[in-house]
């Protein structure tokens, strides 16, 4: 799993291309805005745990 944090300079088209490249190597990319991490870390962590459980087939 790859976790990416996006700030104000992120580009959706570049993100999509980078994610596609990473995913061809078998990784799952999840993305969060910087302010979500700063203001809602519990929600971010819950999402990460949920994604790990999905990847494990749980």
Protein backbone atom coordinates (compact mmCIF):
# COMPACT_ATOMS: atom_id res chain seq x y z
CA UNK A 1 0.00 0.00 0.00
CA UNK A 2 1.17 3.48 -0.85
CA UNK A 3 -0.19 6.40 1.13
CA UNK A 4 0.09 9.79 -0.50
CA UNK A 5 -0.53 13.15 1.15
CA UNK A 6 -1.68 15.93 -1.15
CA UNK A 7 -1.15 19.59 -0.59
CA UNK A 8 -2.03 22.67 -2.58
CA UNK A 9 0.41 21.91 -5.40
CA UNK A 10 -0.99 18.51 -6.32
CA UNK A 11 -2.21 17.78 -9.83
CA UNK A 12 -5.06 15.30 -10.40
CA UNK A 13 -3.73 14.33 -13.84
CA UNK A 14 -0.20 13.75 -12.52
CA UNK A 15 -1.65 11.87 -9.51
CA UNK A 16 -3.61 9.56 -11.80
CA UNK A 17 -0.56 8.79 -13.93
CA UNK A 18 1.66 8.19 -10.89
CA UNK A 19 -0.99 5.96 -9.27
CA UNK A 20 -1.34 3.95 -12.47
CA UNK A 21 2.41 3.37 -12.60
CA UNK A 22 2.59 2.37 -8.94
CA UNK A 23 -0.42 0.06 -9.26
CA UNK A 24 1.23 -1.83 -12.15
CA UNK A 25 3.74 -3.01 -9.54
CA UNK A 26 0.96 -4.47 -7.39
CA UNK A 27 0.52 -1.65 -4.90
CA UNK A 28 -2.72 0.04 -3.89
CA UNK A 29 -2.56 3.85 -3.67
CA UNK A 30 -4.67 5.77 -1.20
CA UNK A 31 -4.55 9.53 -1.01
CA UNK A 32 -5.37 12.05 1.69
CA UNK A 33 -5.32 15.82 1.77
CA UNK A 34 -2.77 17.30 4.17
CA UNK A 35 -5.50 19.09 6.11
CA UNK A 36 -7.36 15.78 6.62
CA UNK A 37 -4.26 14.37 8.28
CA UNK A 38 -3.89 17.44 10.47
CA UNK A 39 -7.56 17.85 11.35
CA UNK A 40 -8.94 14.29 11.22
CA UNK A 41 -6.09 11.88 11.91
CA UNK A 42 -8.45 9.34 13.47
CA UNK A 43 -10.56 9.22 10.33
CA UNK A 44 -7.45 8.88 8.18
CA UNK A 45 -6.15 6.04 10.34
CA UNK A 46 -9.54 4.30 10.23
CA UNK A 47 -9.46 4.48 6.44
CA UNK A 48 -5.94 3.05 6.33
CA UNK A 49 -6.92 0.15 8.62
CA UNK A 50 -10.03 -0.51 6.53
CA UNK A 51 -7.95 -0.61 3.34
CA UNK A 52 -5.46 -3.00 4.95
CA UNK A 53 -8.31 -5.28 6.03
CA UNK A 54 -9.78 -5.23 2.52
CA UNK A 55 -6.38 -6.13 1.06
CA UNK A 56 -6.14 -9.04 3.49
CA UNK A 57 -9.60 -10.24 2.48
CA UNK A 58 -11.20 -9.45 5.82
